[in-house]
N, C-alpha and C. Protein backbone atom coordinates (compact mmCIF):
# COMPACT_ATOMS: atom_id res chain seq x y z
N MET A 1 159.67 119.86 76.36
CA MET A 1 160.13 119.73 78.06
C MET A 1 160.92 118.85 77.93
N LYS A 2 161.97 118.98 78.42
CA LYS A 2 163.11 118.30 78.57
C LYS A 2 163.54 118.03 79.89
N PHE A 3 163.96 116.23 80.35
CA PHE A 3 164.07 115.44 81.28
C PHE A 3 165.04 115.70 81.89
N GLU A 4 165.32 116.00 82.85
CA GLU A 4 166.63 116.90 83.40
C GLU A 4 167.32 115.62 84.51
N SER A 5 165.70 114.87 85.27
CA SER A 5 166.11 114.44 86.40
C SER A 5 164.95 113.65 86.60
N VAL A 6 164.96 112.30 87.49
CA VAL A 6 163.74 111.14 87.54
C VAL A 6 162.88 112.56 88.09
N SER A 7 163.06 113.48 89.14
CA SER A 7 161.50 114.18 89.39
C SER A 7 161.39 114.45 88.15
N ASP A 8 161.93 114.78 87.11
CA ASP A 8 160.82 115.83 86.27
C ASP A 8 159.99 114.80 86.06
N LEU A 9 160.72 113.73 85.78
CA LEU A 9 159.51 112.16 85.15
C LEU A 9 158.47 112.23 86.32
N TYR A 10 158.36 111.95 87.68
CA TYR A 10 157.75 112.30 88.30
C TYR A 10 156.56 113.34 88.29
N PHE A 11 156.98 114.43 87.98
CA PHE A 11 156.37 115.44 87.68
C PHE A 11 155.32 115.70 86.92
N ILE A 12 156.07 114.87 85.26
CA ILE A 12 154.92 114.80 84.29
C ILE A 12 154.06 113.86 84.62
N LEU A 13 154.06 113.11 85.57
CA LEU A 13 153.52 111.33 85.58
C LEU A 13 152.32 111.86 86.05
N ALA A 14 152.59 113.30 87.43
CA ALA A 14 152.12 113.65 88.95
C ALA A 14 150.36 114.38 87.91
N VAL A 15 151.25 115.28 87.35
CA VAL A 15 150.35 116.64 86.68
C VAL A 15 149.57 115.95 85.20
N PHE A 16 150.32 115.25 84.50
CA PHE A 16 149.55 114.85 82.70
C PHE A 16 148.58 113.58 83.44
N VAL A 17 149.23 112.62 83.55
CA VAL A 17 148.71 111.09 83.78
C VAL A 17 147.13 111.35 83.95
N PRO A 18 146.71 111.06 85.61
CA PRO A 18 145.85 111.08 85.73
C PRO A 18 144.53 111.88 84.73
N GLY A 19 144.53 112.96 84.22
CA GLY A 19 144.10 113.56 83.25
C GLY A 19 143.33 113.18 82.15
N PHE A 20 144.60 112.40 81.42
CA PHE A 20 144.66 112.01 80.36
C PHE A 20 144.02 110.92 80.30
N VAL A 21 144.14 110.02 81.59
CA VAL A 21 143.45 109.06 81.49
C VAL A 21 141.94 108.70 81.55
N PHE A 22 142.19 109.56 82.52
CA PHE A 22 140.14 110.29 82.45
C PHE A 22 139.66 110.88 81.65
N GLU A 23 140.38 111.21 80.74
CA GLU A 23 139.66 111.79 79.44
C GLU A 23 139.79 110.50 78.71
N GLY A 24 140.90 109.71 78.27
CA GLY A 24 140.71 108.90 77.56
C GLY A 24 139.87 107.82 77.58
N VAL A 25 139.60 107.09 78.96
CA VAL A 25 138.30 106.38 78.91
C VAL A 25 137.05 106.52 79.21
N LEU A 26 136.81 107.74 79.33
CA LEU A 26 135.73 108.74 79.15
C LEU A 26 135.25 109.16 78.40
N SER A 27 135.93 109.58 76.73
CA SER A 27 135.96 109.35 75.37
C SER A 27 135.62 107.93 74.86
N LYS A 28 135.33 106.63 75.77
CA LYS A 28 134.97 105.52 75.08
C LYS A 28 133.98 105.19 75.27
N PHE A 29 132.87 106.62 76.17
CA PHE A 29 132.06 106.12 76.56
C PHE A 29 131.02 107.57 76.52
N VAL A 30 131.20 108.42 76.12
CA VAL A 30 130.55 109.58 76.20
C VAL A 30 131.87 110.59 75.59
N PRO A 31 130.47 110.82 73.86
CA PRO A 31 131.67 111.50 73.28
C PRO A 31 131.60 113.34 73.94
N ARG A 32 132.91 113.64 73.22
CA ARG A 32 133.28 114.66 73.77
C ARG A 32 133.92 115.88 72.83
N ARG A 33 133.16 117.28 72.39
CA ARG A 33 133.03 117.96 72.17
C ARG A 33 134.59 118.47 72.04
N GLN A 34 135.24 118.49 70.93
CA GLN A 34 136.46 119.02 70.38
C GLN A 34 137.32 120.36 70.51
N SER A 35 138.12 120.58 70.66
CA SER A 35 139.06 121.88 70.88
C SER A 35 139.55 122.15 70.07
N SER A 36 139.87 123.74 69.64
CA SER A 36 140.81 123.29 68.91
C SER A 36 142.16 124.45 69.17
N MET A 37 142.04 124.64 70.20
CA MET A 37 142.71 125.18 71.81
C MET A 37 143.35 124.08 72.59
N ARG A 38 144.94 124.40 72.33
CA ARG A 38 145.24 123.51 73.25
C ARG A 38 145.33 123.94 74.49
N GLU A 39 145.07 124.84 74.65
CA GLU A 39 145.25 125.35 76.31
C GLU A 39 143.62 125.16 77.46
N THR A 40 142.99 125.11 76.15
CA THR A 40 141.63 124.72 76.48
C THR A 40 141.27 122.76 76.74
N PHE A 41 142.21 122.52 75.97
CA PHE A 41 142.14 121.47 75.92
C PHE A 41 143.35 120.47 77.33
N LEU A 42 144.18 121.79 77.68
CA LEU A 42 144.87 121.76 78.69
C LEU A 42 144.41 121.63 80.04
N LEU A 43 143.31 122.47 79.38
CA LEU A 43 142.42 122.61 80.97
C LEU A 43 141.66 121.73 81.51
N ARG A 44 141.44 121.38 80.37
CA ARG A 44 140.46 119.93 81.16
C ARG A 44 141.08 118.95 81.09
N LEU A 45 142.06 118.67 80.97
CA LEU A 45 143.81 117.12 81.75
C LEU A 45 144.07 117.76 83.16
N PHE A 46 144.16 119.06 83.12
CA PHE A 46 144.81 119.84 84.65
C PHE A 46 143.30 119.58 85.99
N THR A 47 142.19 120.24 85.04
CA THR A 47 140.42 119.74 85.37
C THR A 47 140.91 118.84 86.53
N ALA A 48 140.62 117.98 85.55
CA ALA A 48 140.52 116.06 85.96
C ALA A 48 141.21 115.33 86.85
N THR A 49 142.76 115.97 86.25
CA THR A 49 144.08 115.66 88.06
C THR A 49 143.36 116.73 88.62
N ALA A 50 142.88 117.56 88.85
CA ALA A 50 142.87 117.70 90.33
C ALA A 50 141.84 117.67 90.81
N PHE A 51 140.77 117.01 90.14
CA PHE A 51 139.80 116.11 90.75
C PHE A 51 140.10 114.71 91.39
N ASN A 52 140.25 114.96 90.80
CA ASN A 52 141.52 113.03 90.65
C ASN A 52 142.05 113.39 92.17
N TYR A 53 142.96 114.45 92.43
CA TYR A 53 143.75 114.49 94.23
C TYR A 53 142.90 115.21 94.71
N ALA A 54 141.39 115.88 94.52
CA ALA A 54 141.05 115.88 95.15
C ALA A 54 140.25 114.94 96.06
N LEU A 55 139.62 114.04 94.89
CA LEU A 55 138.95 112.97 96.02
C LEU A 55 139.56 111.48 96.48
N SER A 56 141.52 111.92 96.43
CA SER A 56 142.55 110.95 96.47
C SER A 56 142.35 111.55 97.68
N SER A 57 142.66 113.00 98.30
CA SER A 57 143.24 113.67 99.35
C SER A 57 143.41 112.94 100.55
N PRO A 58 142.09 111.86 101.08
CA PRO A 58 142.34 111.37 102.59
C PRO A 58 143.47 110.33 102.02
N LEU A 59 143.46 109.64 100.65
CA LEU A 59 144.12 108.11 100.95
C LEU A 59 145.92 109.15 100.26
N ILE A 60 146.34 110.20 99.90
CA ILE A 60 147.47 111.01 99.63
C ILE A 60 147.37 111.42 101.13
N PHE A 61 146.79 112.01 102.44
CA PHE A 61 147.57 112.63 103.12
C PHE A 61 148.22 111.38 104.25
N LEU A 62 147.30 110.28 104.12
CA LEU A 62 147.67 108.98 105.07
C LEU A 62 149.35 108.41 104.36
N LEU A 63 149.82 109.04 103.33
CA LEU A 63 150.86 108.04 102.30
C LEU A 63 151.66 109.14 102.90
N LEU A 64 151.49 110.37 102.94
CA LEU A 64 152.52 112.04 102.83
C LEU A 64 152.95 111.21 104.59
N THR A 65 152.29 111.30 105.13
CA THR A 65 152.59 111.73 106.52
C THR A 65 153.07 109.91 107.45
N ARG A 66 152.71 109.46 106.40
CA ARG A 66 153.79 107.66 106.86
C ARG A 66 152.61 106.68 107.40
N THR A 67 151.03 107.65 107.55
CA THR A 67 150.49 107.11 109.12
C THR A 67 149.89 105.41 108.27
N ILE A 68 149.69 104.96 106.91
CA ILE A 68 149.85 103.57 106.15
C ILE A 68 151.31 103.52 105.55
N PHE A 69 151.24 102.14 105.62
CA PHE A 69 152.45 101.15 104.71
C PHE A 69 154.06 101.80 104.88
N ALA A 70 154.16 102.32 106.30
CA ALA A 70 155.65 102.80 106.37
C ALA A 70 156.98 102.23 105.80
N ASP A 71 156.16 101.33 106.54
CA ASP A 71 157.11 100.06 106.08
C ASP A 71 157.23 99.39 104.95
N SER A 72 156.41 100.11 104.38
CA SER A 72 156.46 98.74 102.34
C SER A 72 156.34 99.77 102.16
N PRO A 73 157.74 100.48 100.97
CA PRO A 73 157.28 100.27 100.14
C PRO A 73 156.79 100.54 99.53
N GLY A 74 157.01 98.50 98.57
CA GLY A 74 156.05 98.12 97.97
C GLY A 74 154.45 98.65 97.57
N ARG A 75 154.08 98.27 99.04
CA ARG A 75 152.70 98.93 99.34
C ARG A 75 152.78 100.35 99.05
N GLN A 76 153.45 101.09 99.18
CA GLN A 76 153.37 102.79 98.95
C GLN A 76 153.17 102.87 97.40
N SER A 77 153.95 102.48 97.12
CA SER A 77 154.15 102.54 94.99
C SER A 77 153.15 102.17 94.59
N ALA A 78 152.37 100.79 94.97
CA ALA A 78 151.28 100.50 94.41
C ALA A 78 150.22 101.40 94.77
N THR A 79 150.05 102.18 95.93
CA THR A 79 148.98 102.47 96.13
C THR A 79 148.88 104.33 95.44
N TRP A 80 149.96 104.43 94.97
CA TRP A 80 150.48 105.92 93.89
C TRP A 80 150.22 105.31 92.79
N LEU A 81 150.39 104.18 92.27
CA LEU A 81 150.21 103.60 91.09
C LEU A 81 148.81 103.59 90.90
N ALA A 82 147.71 103.49 92.03
CA ALA A 82 146.32 103.51 91.56
C ALA A 82 145.31 104.22 91.47
N ILE A 83 146.38 105.86 92.43
CA ILE A 83 145.58 107.07 92.35
C ILE A 83 146.19 107.75 90.98
N ILE A 84 147.38 107.24 90.85
CA ILE A 84 147.39 108.45 88.95
C ILE A 84 146.57 106.93 87.92
N PHE A 85 146.70 105.78 87.76
CA PHE A 85 146.57 105.13 87.01
C PHE A 85 144.89 104.96 86.87
N LEU A 86 144.26 104.11 88.50
CA LEU A 86 143.00 103.08 88.34
C LEU A 86 142.16 104.06 89.38
N PHE A 87 142.14 105.29 89.54
CA PHE A 87 141.24 106.13 90.00
C PHE A 87 140.52 106.94 89.02
N PRO A 88 141.48 107.12 88.08
CA PRO A 88 140.74 108.28 86.64
C PRO A 88 139.83 107.60 85.78
N VAL A 89 140.65 105.59 86.11
CA VAL A 89 139.84 105.54 85.16
C VAL A 89 138.37 105.35 85.86
N LEU A 90 138.24 105.17 87.42
CA LEU A 90 137.04 104.53 88.23
C LEU A 90 136.30 105.84 87.86
N MET A 91 136.71 106.93 87.81
CA MET A 91 136.07 108.45 87.67
C MET A 91 135.47 108.73 86.63
N ALA A 92 135.94 107.93 85.24
CA ALA A 92 135.73 108.26 84.39
C ALA A 92 134.81 107.07 84.27
N ILE A 93 134.67 106.16 84.56
CA ILE A 93 133.81 105.22 84.82
C ILE A 93 132.30 105.33 84.99
N VAL A 94 132.74 106.10 86.56
CA VAL A 94 131.40 106.98 87.17
C VAL A 94 131.08 107.97 86.36
N THR A 95 131.83 108.63 86.04
CA THR A 95 130.89 110.20 85.15
C THR A 95 130.08 109.76 83.56
N ALA A 96 130.46 108.12 82.95
CA ALA A 96 130.48 108.18 82.26
C ALA A 96 128.81 107.07 82.89
N LYS A 97 128.61 106.81 83.46
CA LYS A 97 127.48 106.22 83.56
C LYS A 97 126.72 106.94 84.33
N LEU A 98 126.65 108.16 84.79
CA LEU A 98 125.55 109.73 85.83
C LEU A 98 125.32 109.77 83.76
N SER A 99 126.27 110.03 82.95
CA SER A 99 125.72 110.54 82.18
C SER A 99 124.99 110.21 81.07
N GLN A 100 125.33 108.72 81.27
CA GLN A 100 124.30 107.78 80.46
C GLN A 100 122.68 107.36 80.69
N ASP A 101 122.59 107.72 82.34
CA ASP A 101 121.47 106.86 82.95
C ASP A 101 120.34 108.02 83.21
N ASP A 102 119.03 107.44 82.07
CA ASP A 102 118.21 109.02 81.48
C ASP A 102 117.57 109.45 83.55
N VAL A 103 117.63 108.49 84.31
CA VAL A 103 117.08 109.01 85.36
C VAL A 103 117.77 110.32 86.18
N LEU A 104 119.23 109.96 86.23
CA LEU A 104 120.17 111.16 86.56
C LEU A 104 119.65 111.59 85.58
N ALA A 105 120.17 112.04 84.63
CA ALA A 105 120.27 113.38 83.35
C ALA A 105 118.66 114.09 83.81
N ASN A 106 117.61 113.58 83.77
CA ASN A 106 115.64 113.76 84.14
C ASN A 106 116.82 115.25 85.58
N ILE A 107 117.28 114.48 86.52
CA ILE A 107 117.26 115.48 88.07
C ILE A 107 118.15 116.53 87.56
N PHE A 108 118.91 116.30 87.04
CA PHE A 108 120.21 116.58 87.28
C PHE A 108 119.82 118.32 85.67
N ALA A 109 118.41 117.56 84.87
CA ALA A 109 118.29 118.46 83.86
C ALA A 109 116.82 119.67 84.60
N ARG A 110 116.61 118.98 85.63
CA ARG A 110 115.57 120.04 86.27
C ARG A 110 115.86 121.10 87.29
N LEU A 111 117.56 121.25 87.33
CA LEU A 111 118.33 122.56 88.49
C LEU A 111 118.26 123.61 87.57
N PRO A 112 119.03 123.28 85.94
CA PRO A 112 118.54 124.74 85.68
C PRO A 112 117.25 125.24 85.81
N ARG A 113 116.16 124.39 85.19
CA ARG A 113 115.02 125.19 84.88
C ARG A 113 114.70 125.75 86.41
N ILE A 114 114.61 125.06 87.56
CA ILE A 114 114.68 126.12 88.65
C ILE A 114 114.71 127.53 88.84
N PHE A 115 116.03 128.31 87.78
CA PHE A 115 116.66 128.97 87.75
C PHE A 115 115.85 129.66 86.40
N ARG A 116 115.96 128.80 85.76
CA ARG A 116 114.96 129.47 84.27
C ARG A 116 116.24 129.23 83.15
N LEU A 117 117.22 128.64 83.35
CA LEU A 117 118.62 128.45 82.56
C LEU A 117 117.96 127.64 81.87
N ARG A 118 118.75 127.94 80.83
CA ARG A 118 118.51 127.20 79.19
C ARG A 118 120.25 126.44 79.26
N THR A 119 120.63 124.76 79.18
CA THR A 119 122.28 124.33 79.13
C THR A 119 122.48 124.30 77.69
N ILE A 120 123.29 124.20 77.41
CA ILE A 120 123.72 123.56 76.22
C ILE A 120 124.71 122.34 77.07
N SER A 121 123.97 121.37 75.33
CA SER A 121 124.95 119.43 75.86
C SER A 121 125.94 119.48 75.26
N PRO A 122 127.18 119.28 76.56
CA PRO A 122 128.49 118.72 76.35
C PRO A 122 128.77 117.79 74.75
N ILE A 123 127.64 117.15 74.65
CA ILE A 123 128.02 115.76 73.40
C ILE A 123 127.82 116.92 72.37
N PRO A 124 128.57 116.50 71.44
CA PRO A 124 129.24 117.44 69.90
C PRO A 124 128.11 117.46 68.91
N THR A 125 127.05 116.21 68.74
CA THR A 125 126.12 116.35 67.83
C THR A 125 124.73 115.29 68.38
N GLY A 126 123.71 115.73 67.43
CA GLY A 126 122.97 114.93 68.06
C GLY A 126 123.26 112.97 67.84
N TRP A 127 123.94 112.80 66.37
CA TRP A 127 124.24 111.51 65.93
C TRP A 127 124.79 111.27 67.44
N ASP A 128 126.01 111.88 67.76
CA ASP A 128 126.36 110.54 68.86
C ASP A 128 125.45 110.54 69.95
N TRP A 129 124.50 111.60 70.40
CA TRP A 129 123.83 111.59 71.47
C TRP A 129 122.73 111.18 71.29
N LYS A 130 122.07 109.87 70.37
CA LYS A 130 121.97 109.06 70.21
C LYS A 130 122.47 107.81 70.28
N PHE A 131 123.38 107.58 69.21
CA PHE A 131 124.01 107.05 68.98
C PHE A 131 124.72 105.97 70.55
N GLY A 132 125.30 106.95 71.65
CA GLY A 132 125.98 106.98 72.35
C GLY A 132 125.04 106.35 73.49
N ARG A 133 123.71 106.51 73.66
CA ARG A 133 123.10 105.64 74.24
C ARG A 133 121.64 104.93 73.76
N THR A 134 121.55 104.87 72.69
CA THR A 134 120.64 103.65 72.27
C THR A 134 120.22 102.13 72.68
N GLU A 135 119.68 101.26 72.93
CA GLU A 135 119.69 100.14 72.77
C GLU A 135 119.40 99.36 71.52
N PRO A 136 119.38 98.06 71.34
CA PRO A 136 119.01 97.30 70.14
C PRO A 136 117.99 98.06 69.66
N CYS A 137 117.76 97.91 68.38
CA CYS A 137 116.78 98.23 67.61
C CYS A 137 116.83 97.83 66.26
N TYR A 138 115.40 98.76 65.75
CA TYR A 138 114.81 98.32 64.30
C TYR A 138 115.08 99.75 63.83
N VAL A 139 116.01 100.13 63.17
CA VAL A 139 115.98 101.76 62.08
C VAL A 139 115.72 101.49 60.78
N LEU A 140 115.24 102.89 60.10
CA LEU A 140 114.85 102.73 59.15
C LEU A 140 115.56 104.25 58.33
N VAL A 141 116.68 103.71 57.51
CA VAL A 141 117.51 104.80 57.00
C VAL A 141 117.18 105.32 55.97
N THR A 142 116.91 106.68 55.50
CA THR A 142 116.29 106.58 54.44
C THR A 142 117.81 107.91 53.39
N LEU A 143 117.72 108.06 52.22
CA LEU A 143 119.78 108.00 51.91
C LEU A 143 118.96 109.72 51.50
N LYS A 144 120.03 110.15 50.74
CA LYS A 144 119.08 111.78 50.22
C LYS A 144 118.64 111.11 48.82
N ASP A 145 118.91 109.83 47.83
CA ASP A 145 118.32 109.76 47.01
C ASP A 145 116.87 109.19 47.14
N GLY A 146 116.64 109.10 47.89
CA GLY A 146 114.94 108.58 48.97
C GLY A 146 114.73 107.17 49.31
N THR A 147 115.97 106.17 48.62
CA THR A 147 116.84 104.79 48.49
C THR A 147 116.53 104.80 50.41
N GLU A 148 115.57 103.92 50.94
CA GLU A 148 115.32 103.62 52.20
C GLU A 148 116.00 101.96 52.72
N VAL A 149 117.25 102.32 53.50
CA VAL A 149 117.37 100.51 54.32
C VAL A 149 117.01 100.70 55.59
N ALA A 150 116.25 99.51 55.87
CA ALA A 150 116.27 98.85 57.08
C ALA A 150 116.85 98.00 57.21
N GLY A 151 117.35 98.50 58.71
CA GLY A 151 117.96 97.25 59.53
C GLY A 151 117.93 97.26 60.99
N TYR A 152 119.02 96.69 61.58
CA TYR A 152 119.26 96.44 62.69
C TYR A 152 120.04 96.73 63.29
N PHE A 153 119.93 97.71 64.50
CA PHE A 153 121.12 98.30 65.06
C PHE A 153 121.30 97.52 66.57
N GLY A 154 122.48 96.68 66.72
CA GLY A 154 122.13 95.61 67.19
C GLY A 154 123.91 95.79 68.01
N LYS A 155 124.09 94.20 69.15
CA LYS A 155 125.63 94.40 69.64
C LYS A 155 126.70 94.63 68.78
N ASP A 156 126.39 93.97 67.39
CA ASP A 156 127.57 93.33 66.52
C ASP A 156 127.26 94.45 65.22
N SER A 157 126.52 96.16 65.91
CA SER A 157 126.75 97.26 64.83
C SER A 157 127.35 98.44 64.94
N MET A 158 127.52 99.15 64.36
CA MET A 158 128.39 100.34 64.98
C MET A 158 127.88 101.60 64.44
N ALA A 159 128.10 102.72 64.84
CA ALA A 159 128.12 103.98 64.64
C ALA A 159 129.08 104.84 64.64
N SER A 160 129.72 105.12 63.59
CA SER A 160 131.48 105.71 64.03
C SER A 160 130.91 107.05 65.22
N SER A 161 131.93 107.40 65.81
CA SER A 161 132.41 108.33 66.69
C SER A 161 132.74 109.47 66.22
N ASP A 162 134.02 109.58 64.39
CA ASP A 162 134.61 110.66 64.31
C ASP A 162 133.65 111.22 64.23
N GLN A 163 134.64 113.02 64.38
CA GLN A 163 134.01 114.30 64.31
C GLN A 163 133.55 114.61 62.80
N ASP A 164 134.68 114.18 61.87
CA ASP A 164 134.50 114.36 60.52
C ASP A 164 134.14 113.65 59.88
N ARG A 165 133.72 112.50 60.08
CA ARG A 165 133.33 111.15 59.38
C ARG A 165 131.78 111.04 59.74
N LYS A 166 130.93 110.46 59.59
CA LYS A 166 129.73 109.86 60.03
C LYS A 166 129.55 108.84 58.91
N ASP A 167 129.55 107.18 59.86
CA ASP A 167 128.94 106.21 58.45
C ASP A 167 128.75 105.44 60.24
N LEU A 168 128.06 104.48 59.13
CA LEU A 168 126.75 103.18 59.88
C LEU A 168 127.22 102.01 59.07
N TYR A 169 127.28 101.21 60.16
CA TYR A 169 127.19 99.41 59.79
C TYR A 169 125.53 98.80 60.65
N LEU A 170 125.13 98.68 59.79
CA LEU A 170 124.12 97.77 60.26
C LEU A 170 124.43 95.98 60.44
N GLU A 171 124.23 95.11 61.46
CA GLU A 171 124.68 93.98 61.73
C GLU A 171 123.90 93.27 60.62
N LYS A 172 122.22 93.67 60.51
CA LYS A 172 121.08 92.83 59.54
C LYS A 172 120.45 93.69 58.54
N LEU A 173 120.04 93.39 57.17
CA LEU A 173 119.28 94.07 56.71
C LEU A 173 117.50 93.12 56.84
N TYR A 174 116.87 93.90 56.54
CA TYR A 174 115.80 93.72 55.86
C TYR A 174 114.59 94.47 54.93
N THR A 175 113.67 93.90 54.47
CA THR A 175 112.64 94.15 53.58
C THR A 175 111.41 95.14 53.83
N VAL A 176 111.44 95.57 53.81
CA VAL A 176 109.99 96.46 54.10
C VAL A 176 108.96 96.52 53.30
N PRO A 177 108.02 95.22 54.06
CA PRO A 177 106.58 95.20 53.31
C PRO A 177 105.35 95.71 53.01
N ALA A 178 105.08 96.17 52.46
CA ALA A 178 103.71 97.04 52.39
C ALA A 178 102.40 97.12 53.40
N SER A 179 102.88 95.67 54.21
CA SER A 179 102.27 95.75 55.31
C SER A 179 102.58 94.37 55.68
N GLY A 180 102.35 94.46 57.46
CA GLY A 180 102.83 93.02 58.02
C GLY A 180 104.64 93.47 58.44
N PRO A 181 105.13 92.85 59.12
CA PRO A 181 106.35 92.72 59.61
C PRO A 181 107.42 92.19 58.98
N TRP A 182 108.45 93.27 59.19
CA TRP A 182 109.37 92.92 58.33
C TRP A 182 110.49 91.85 58.01
N GLN A 183 110.97 91.46 56.91
CA GLN A 183 111.24 90.68 56.68
C GLN A 183 112.59 90.15 56.36
N PRO A 184 113.82 89.83 57.33
CA PRO A 184 114.92 89.41 57.23
C PRO A 184 115.30 89.18 55.69
N VAL A 185 116.72 89.74 55.21
CA VAL A 185 117.30 89.60 53.83
C VAL A 185 118.12 88.20 53.73
N PRO A 186 117.92 87.33 53.52
CA PRO A 186 118.67 86.10 53.41
C PRO A 186 120.05 86.59 53.07
N ARG A 187 121.14 85.82 53.51
CA ARG A 187 122.62 85.33 52.64
C ARG A 187 123.47 87.19 53.19
N THR A 188 122.49 87.46 54.44
CA THR A 188 123.41 88.90 53.98
C THR A 188 124.49 89.11 55.48
N SER A 189 125.38 89.91 55.71
CA SER A 189 126.34 89.82 56.95
C SER A 189 126.17 91.68 57.34
N GLY A 190 124.38 92.16 57.13
CA GLY A 190 125.36 93.48 57.05
C GLY A 190 125.22 94.46 55.98
N ALA A 191 125.12 95.80 56.57
CA ALA A 191 125.30 96.74 55.18
C ALA A 191 126.40 98.14 55.89
N TYR A 192 127.19 98.34 55.50
CA TYR A 192 127.45 99.93 55.42
C TYR A 192 127.40 100.64 54.83
N ILE A 193 127.14 102.35 55.02
CA ILE A 193 126.23 102.97 54.58
C ILE A 193 127.09 104.34 55.11
N ASP A 194 127.27 104.73 54.16
CA ASP A 194 128.08 106.47 54.55
C ASP A 194 127.43 106.99 54.87
N GLY A 195 127.46 107.93 56.13
CA GLY A 195 126.95 109.31 56.63
C GLY A 195 127.13 110.00 55.67
N SER A 196 127.56 110.32 55.09
CA SER A 196 127.32 111.73 53.66
C SER A 196 126.52 112.00 52.84
N GLN A 197 125.81 110.41 52.68
CA GLN A 197 124.17 109.86 52.14
C GLN A 197 123.39 109.26 52.63
N ILE A 198 123.21 110.27 54.08
CA ILE A 198 121.71 109.80 55.10
C ILE A 198 121.40 111.16 55.22
N ALA A 199 119.81 111.31 54.98
CA ALA A 199 119.02 111.88 55.04
C ALA A 199 118.57 112.45 56.63
N PHE A 200 118.05 110.71 56.22
CA PHE A 200 117.50 110.56 58.26
C PHE A 200 117.30 109.33 58.67
N ILE A 201 117.23 109.06 59.89
CA ILE A 201 117.47 107.79 60.23
C ILE A 201 115.51 107.82 61.85
N GLU A 202 114.75 106.74 61.14
CA GLU A 202 113.97 106.26 62.32
C GLU A 202 114.42 105.66 62.93
N PHE A 203 114.31 105.55 63.88
CA PHE A 203 114.29 104.44 64.93
C PHE A 203 113.21 103.91 65.73
N ARG A 204 113.11 102.51 65.75
CA ARG A 204 112.03 102.05 65.93
C ARG A 204 111.81 100.90 67.26
N THR A 205 111.19 100.25 67.73
CA THR A 205 111.45 99.34 68.90
C THR A 205 110.75 98.17 68.24
N GLY A 206 110.55 98.21 67.38
CA GLY A 206 109.81 96.97 66.63
C GLY A 206 109.65 96.87 65.75
N GLU A 207 109.55 95.41 64.77
CA GLU A 207 109.41 95.47 62.92
C GLU A 207 107.99 96.13 62.85
C-alpha cells in the first residue's frame, strides 16, 4: 500500500490501528486462536475497529458537528487520539475481564443451553485456558518417563503462551514425602520444564 498523501496515513490509522491495538492488548490476557488465513485476521481487526467506533459514535458525532472543542484544535486532536488508541485498550481490558471472570462466564455459558446449543471455546488449548486463569497454586508435574516434579506456580512462575512450544517455569520446588506436607527444596531458584516432556499436570490448592 502506497502513502501518497497525509489523508492516506489518516485513513490507515483510522481503519487499522484500533483493531491492532485491541488485538494486541487482548492477547496479553486471553489466548487467541491463530488463523492461517490473512483474510480472517483482517476481518477480526476490522470488526474490532468497527465495534470501537460504534461505542465511540456519540463522541465522534459531537466532534464532527463541532459541538465540543470547536475552538480548541489541541483538545480535538487529543480526543481523536483517545478514540483511536486509548478506547481500544480499555475495550480490550473489559473484554479480558469478562473472559476471565468465572461468574460472568457461567452466566454466558447458560444462554446456549437454553437453546440446547453446544459452544466451541475461543481459547485454543486446555493449557491456555487453565494457565490463563489459574491462581497461585501447587502443581505436581508428571513427565513422560514417569518422573514427578512438585513445585509452586506463583507470580514469578511462567507458562508459555506460544502455540508451537509449551514449556513451564516453576519458581519453587518441593520434595514429596510418602506422608505429610511437601518439603521445600533448599537453595533452588526454581526449575524449567520442557513442555514436550510433560505427560500431565495436577493442580493442588494445598501441599
